[in-house]
Amino acid sequence: MVETPQFNVLEHNLVPEHRLLSDEEAEAVLSKLKVSKDQLPKIRKSDACIKILERINGEIKEGSIIQITRNSKTAEVAVGYRLVRG
């Protein structure tokens, strides 16, 4: 069993912003990118960031999509998406 982190890793300055997308937002993203869920990079349900998001949003099911927003020196802001897997 994976334990819940003792501190909020999302508050660390080196960890990019993670946000759970609603089903409607996820469908819009997949449509815009013209990809299927299985084509997205994966993030494990046991990842520390997912555990913190579960504290905030409740249980996150496999197949959910997480939006990750990073600050970038070249693009200013870079947005990526990950599919939650077990």
N, C-alpha and C. Protein backbone atom coordinates (compact mmCIF):
# COMPACT_ATOMS: atom_id res chain seq x y z
N MET A 1 0.84 -1.18 0.00
CA MET A 1 0.00 0.00 0.00
C MET A 1 0.88 1.25 0.00
N VAL A 2 0.55 2.20 -0.84
CA VAL A 2 1.31 3.44 -0.94
C VAL A 2 0.73 4.44 0.05
N GLU A 3 1.60 5.04 0.85
CA GLU A 3 1.14 6.01 1.83
C GLU A 3 0.95 7.38 1.20
N THR A 4 0.06 8.16 1.79
CA THR A 4 -0.15 9.53 1.36
C THR A 4 1.02 10.37 1.83
N PRO A 5 1.56 11.24 0.97
CA PRO A 5 2.69 12.08 1.37
C PRO A 5 2.36 12.92 2.61
N GLN A 6 3.36 13.17 3.44
CA GLN A 6 3.17 13.93 4.67
C GLN A 6 3.10 15.43 4.42
N PHE A 7 3.57 15.88 3.27
CA PHE A 7 3.52 17.30 2.93
C PHE A 7 3.00 17.42 1.50
N ASN A 8 2.57 18.60 1.14
CA ASN A 8 1.99 18.84 -0.18
C ASN A 8 3.11 19.09 -1.19
N VAL A 9 3.43 18.07 -1.98
CA VAL A 9 4.51 18.19 -2.97
C VAL A 9 4.17 19.23 -4.03
N LEU A 10 2.88 19.50 -4.24
CA LEU A 10 2.48 20.48 -5.25
C LEU A 10 2.87 21.90 -4.87
N GLU A 11 3.19 22.12 -3.60
CA GLU A 11 3.62 23.44 -3.15
C GLU A 11 5.12 23.67 -3.35
N HIS A 12 5.86 22.63 -3.73
CA HIS A 12 7.30 22.77 -3.95
C HIS A 12 7.55 23.54 -5.24
N ASN A 13 8.53 24.42 -5.25
CA ASN A 13 8.77 25.28 -6.41
C ASN A 13 9.26 24.53 -7.65
N LEU A 14 9.74 23.32 -7.51
CA LEU A 14 10.21 22.56 -8.66
C LEU A 14 9.14 21.65 -9.25
N VAL A 15 7.99 21.55 -8.60
CA VAL A 15 6.90 20.69 -9.08
C VAL A 15 5.90 21.55 -9.84
N PRO A 16 5.66 21.22 -11.12
CA PRO A 16 4.71 22.02 -11.89
C PRO A 16 3.28 21.84 -11.38
N GLU A 17 2.41 22.76 -11.78
CA GLU A 17 1.01 22.69 -11.37
C GLU A 17 0.34 21.48 -12.00
N HIS A 18 -0.37 20.71 -11.19
CA HIS A 18 -1.15 19.55 -11.64
C HIS A 18 -2.61 19.85 -11.38
N ARG A 19 -3.48 19.54 -12.35
CA ARG A 19 -4.90 19.80 -12.18
C ARG A 19 -5.70 18.68 -12.84
N LEU A 20 -6.67 18.15 -12.10
CA LEU A 20 -7.56 17.12 -12.63
C LEU A 20 -8.57 17.77 -13.55
N LEU A 21 -8.68 17.24 -14.77
CA LEU A 21 -9.66 17.78 -15.72
C LEU A 21 -11.00 17.09 -15.52
N SER A 22 -12.07 17.86 -15.71
CA SER A 22 -13.41 17.27 -15.69
C SER A 22 -13.56 16.42 -16.95
N ASP A 23 -14.58 15.59 -17.00
CA ASP A 23 -14.81 14.75 -18.18
C ASP A 23 -15.00 15.60 -19.44
N GLU A 24 -15.72 16.73 -19.29
CA GLU A 24 -15.97 17.60 -20.44
C GLU A 24 -14.66 18.25 -20.91
N GLU A 25 -13.85 18.71 -19.96
CA GLU A 25 -12.56 19.31 -20.33
C GLU A 25 -11.66 18.28 -21.00
N ALA A 26 -11.65 17.06 -20.47
CA ALA A 26 -10.82 16.00 -21.03
C ALA A 26 -11.22 15.70 -22.47
N GLU A 27 -12.52 15.59 -22.73
CA GLU A 27 -13.00 15.32 -24.10
C GLU A 27 -12.61 16.46 -25.03
N ALA A 28 -12.72 17.70 -24.56
CA ALA A 28 -12.35 18.85 -25.38
C ALA A 28 -10.86 18.83 -25.72
N VAL A 29 -10.03 18.48 -24.76
CA VAL A 29 -8.58 18.41 -24.98
C VAL A 29 -8.25 17.32 -25.99
N LEU A 30 -8.84 16.13 -25.81
CA LEU A 30 -8.58 15.02 -26.73
C LEU A 30 -9.01 15.38 -28.15
N SER A 31 -10.15 16.04 -28.26
CA SER A 31 -10.64 16.46 -29.57
C SER A 31 -9.72 17.50 -30.20
N LYS A 32 -9.30 18.47 -29.40
CA LYS A 32 -8.41 19.53 -29.90
C LYS A 32 -7.07 18.96 -30.37
N LEU A 33 -6.52 18.02 -29.58
CA LEU A 33 -5.22 17.43 -29.91
C LEU A 33 -5.33 16.30 -30.94
N LYS A 34 -6.56 15.85 -31.19
CA LYS A 34 -6.83 14.74 -32.13
C LYS A 34 -6.07 13.48 -31.74
N VAL A 35 -6.18 13.14 -30.45
CA VAL A 35 -5.56 11.92 -29.93
C VAL A 35 -6.57 11.16 -29.08
N SER A 36 -6.27 9.89 -28.82
CA SER A 36 -7.09 9.11 -27.89
C SER A 36 -6.41 9.13 -26.53
N LYS A 37 -7.13 8.73 -25.51
CA LYS A 37 -6.56 8.72 -24.16
C LYS A 37 -5.29 7.87 -24.10
N ASP A 38 -5.31 6.73 -24.78
CA ASP A 38 -4.17 5.81 -24.73
C ASP A 38 -2.91 6.37 -25.37
N GLN A 39 -3.04 7.43 -26.16
CA GLN A 39 -1.87 8.04 -26.78
C GLN A 39 -1.18 9.05 -25.86
N LEU A 40 -1.82 9.40 -24.75
CA LEU A 40 -1.21 10.34 -23.81
C LEU A 40 -0.15 9.65 -22.97
N PRO A 41 0.87 10.40 -22.53
CA PRO A 41 1.82 9.83 -21.57
C PRO A 41 1.07 9.46 -20.29
N LYS A 42 1.62 8.53 -19.55
CA LYS A 42 0.93 8.02 -18.35
C LYS A 42 1.52 8.62 -17.08
N ILE A 43 0.68 8.64 -16.03
CA ILE A 43 1.12 8.98 -14.68
C ILE A 43 0.49 7.94 -13.77
N ARG A 44 1.28 7.39 -12.87
CA ARG A 44 0.77 6.34 -11.99
C ARG A 44 -0.16 6.90 -10.92
N LYS A 45 -1.16 6.12 -10.59
CA LYS A 45 -2.10 6.49 -9.53
C LYS A 45 -1.36 6.61 -8.19
N SER A 46 -0.22 5.97 -8.06
CA SER A 46 0.57 6.02 -6.82
C SER A 46 1.52 7.22 -6.77
N ASP A 47 1.56 8.03 -7.82
CA ASP A 47 2.42 9.22 -7.85
C ASP A 47 2.03 10.17 -6.71
N ALA A 48 3.02 10.80 -6.10
CA ALA A 48 2.76 11.69 -4.96
C ALA A 48 1.82 12.83 -5.34
N CYS A 49 1.94 13.35 -6.53
CA CYS A 49 1.06 14.45 -6.97
C CYS A 49 -0.39 13.98 -7.07
N ILE A 50 -0.60 12.76 -7.53
CA ILE A 50 -1.96 12.22 -7.63
C ILE A 50 -2.54 12.03 -6.22
N LYS A 51 -1.73 11.56 -5.29
CA LYS A 51 -2.19 11.38 -3.91
C LYS A 51 -2.65 12.71 -3.31
N ILE A 52 -1.92 13.78 -3.58
CA ILE A 52 -2.30 15.10 -3.07
C ILE A 52 -3.58 15.57 -3.76
N LEU A 53 -3.68 15.37 -5.07
CA LEU A 53 -4.90 15.76 -5.78
C LEU A 53 -6.11 14.99 -5.26
N GLU A 54 -5.90 13.74 -4.84
CA GLU A 54 -7.01 12.97 -4.28
C GLU A 54 -7.47 13.55 -2.95
N ARG A 55 -6.55 14.13 -2.19
CA ARG A 55 -6.96 14.82 -0.95
C ARG A 55 -7.89 15.98 -1.27
N ILE A 56 -7.63 16.64 -2.39
CA ILE A 56 -8.39 17.83 -2.78
C ILE A 56 -9.69 17.46 -3.49
N ASN A 57 -9.61 16.53 -4.47
CA ASN A 57 -10.74 16.22 -5.35
C ASN A 57 -11.48 14.94 -5.02
N GLY A 58 -11.01 14.16 -4.06
CA GLY A 58 -11.57 12.83 -3.84
C GLY A 58 -10.85 11.84 -4.73
N GLU A 59 -11.34 10.62 -4.76
CA GLU A 59 -10.67 9.56 -5.51
C GLU A 59 -10.56 9.92 -6.99
N ILE A 60 -9.37 9.69 -7.53
CA ILE A 60 -9.12 9.91 -8.95
C ILE A 60 -9.08 8.53 -9.61
N LYS A 61 -9.96 8.32 -10.56
CA LYS A 61 -10.08 7.01 -11.21
C LYS A 61 -9.06 6.86 -12.32
N GLU A 62 -8.70 5.60 -12.58
CA GLU A 62 -7.85 5.32 -13.73
C GLU A 62 -8.59 5.79 -14.98
N GLY A 63 -7.86 6.36 -15.92
CA GLY A 63 -8.49 6.88 -17.13
C GLY A 63 -8.75 8.38 -17.05
N SER A 64 -8.56 8.97 -15.85
CA SER A 64 -8.71 10.41 -15.71
C SER A 64 -7.52 11.10 -16.36
N ILE A 65 -7.70 12.37 -16.71
CA ILE A 65 -6.62 13.12 -17.34
C ILE A 65 -6.19 14.26 -16.42
N ILE A 66 -4.88 14.39 -16.27
CA ILE A 66 -4.28 15.44 -15.44
C ILE A 66 -3.60 16.43 -16.37
N GLN A 67 -3.86 17.71 -16.16
CA GLN A 67 -3.18 18.78 -16.90
C GLN A 67 -2.00 19.23 -16.08
N ILE A 68 -0.83 19.31 -16.70
CA ILE A 68 0.39 19.74 -16.03
C ILE A 68 0.88 21.01 -16.73
N THR A 69 1.00 22.09 -15.95
CA THR A 69 1.40 23.38 -16.49
C THR A 69 2.76 23.75 -15.93
N ARG A 70 3.73 23.92 -16.82
CA ARG A 70 5.10 24.26 -16.42
C ARG A 70 5.46 25.64 -16.94
N ASN A 71 6.25 26.35 -16.17
CA ASN A 71 6.85 27.59 -16.67
C ASN A 71 8.03 27.19 -17.55
N SER A 72 8.18 27.89 -18.67
CA SER A 72 9.23 27.57 -19.63
C SER A 72 9.94 28.85 -20.06
N LYS A 73 11.25 28.79 -20.13
CA LYS A 73 12.01 29.97 -20.57
C LYS A 73 11.79 30.27 -22.04
N THR A 74 11.51 29.26 -22.84
CA THR A 74 11.33 29.47 -24.27
C THR A 74 9.88 29.67 -24.67
N ALA A 75 8.97 28.95 -24.03
CA ALA A 75 7.56 29.02 -24.41
C ALA A 75 6.72 29.78 -23.40
N GLU A 76 7.34 30.30 -22.36
CA GLU A 76 6.69 30.97 -21.23
C GLU A 76 5.88 29.99 -20.40
N VAL A 77 4.87 29.36 -21.01
CA VAL A 77 4.08 28.35 -20.30
C VAL A 77 3.93 27.15 -21.22
N ALA A 78 4.21 25.96 -20.68
CA ALA A 78 4.05 24.73 -21.43
C ALA A 78 3.01 23.86 -20.73
N VAL A 79 2.01 23.41 -21.49
CA VAL A 79 0.93 22.61 -20.92
C VAL A 79 1.04 21.20 -21.48
N GLY A 80 0.97 20.22 -20.60
CA GLY A 80 0.99 18.82 -21.00
C GLY A 80 -0.13 18.08 -20.31
N TYR A 81 -0.40 16.86 -20.78
CA TYR A 81 -1.48 16.07 -20.22
C TYR A 81 -0.98 14.67 -19.96
N ARG A 82 -1.48 14.07 -18.88
CA ARG A 82 -1.10 12.69 -18.52
C ARG A 82 -2.36 11.91 -18.21
N LEU A 83 -2.35 10.64 -18.58
CA LEU A 83 -3.43 9.71 -18.30
C LEU A 83 -3.13 8.94 -17.03
N VAL A 84 -4.04 8.90 -16.10
CA VAL A 84 -3.83 8.19 -14.83
C VAL A 84 -3.99 6.69 -15.06
N ARG A 85 -2.97 5.95 -14.67
CA ARG A 85 -2.95 4.48 -14.77
C ARG A 85 -2.55 3.90 -13.43
N GLY A 86 -2.91 2.64 -13.21
CA GLY A 86 -2.63 1.94 -11.97
C GLY A 86 -1.24 1.56 -11.78
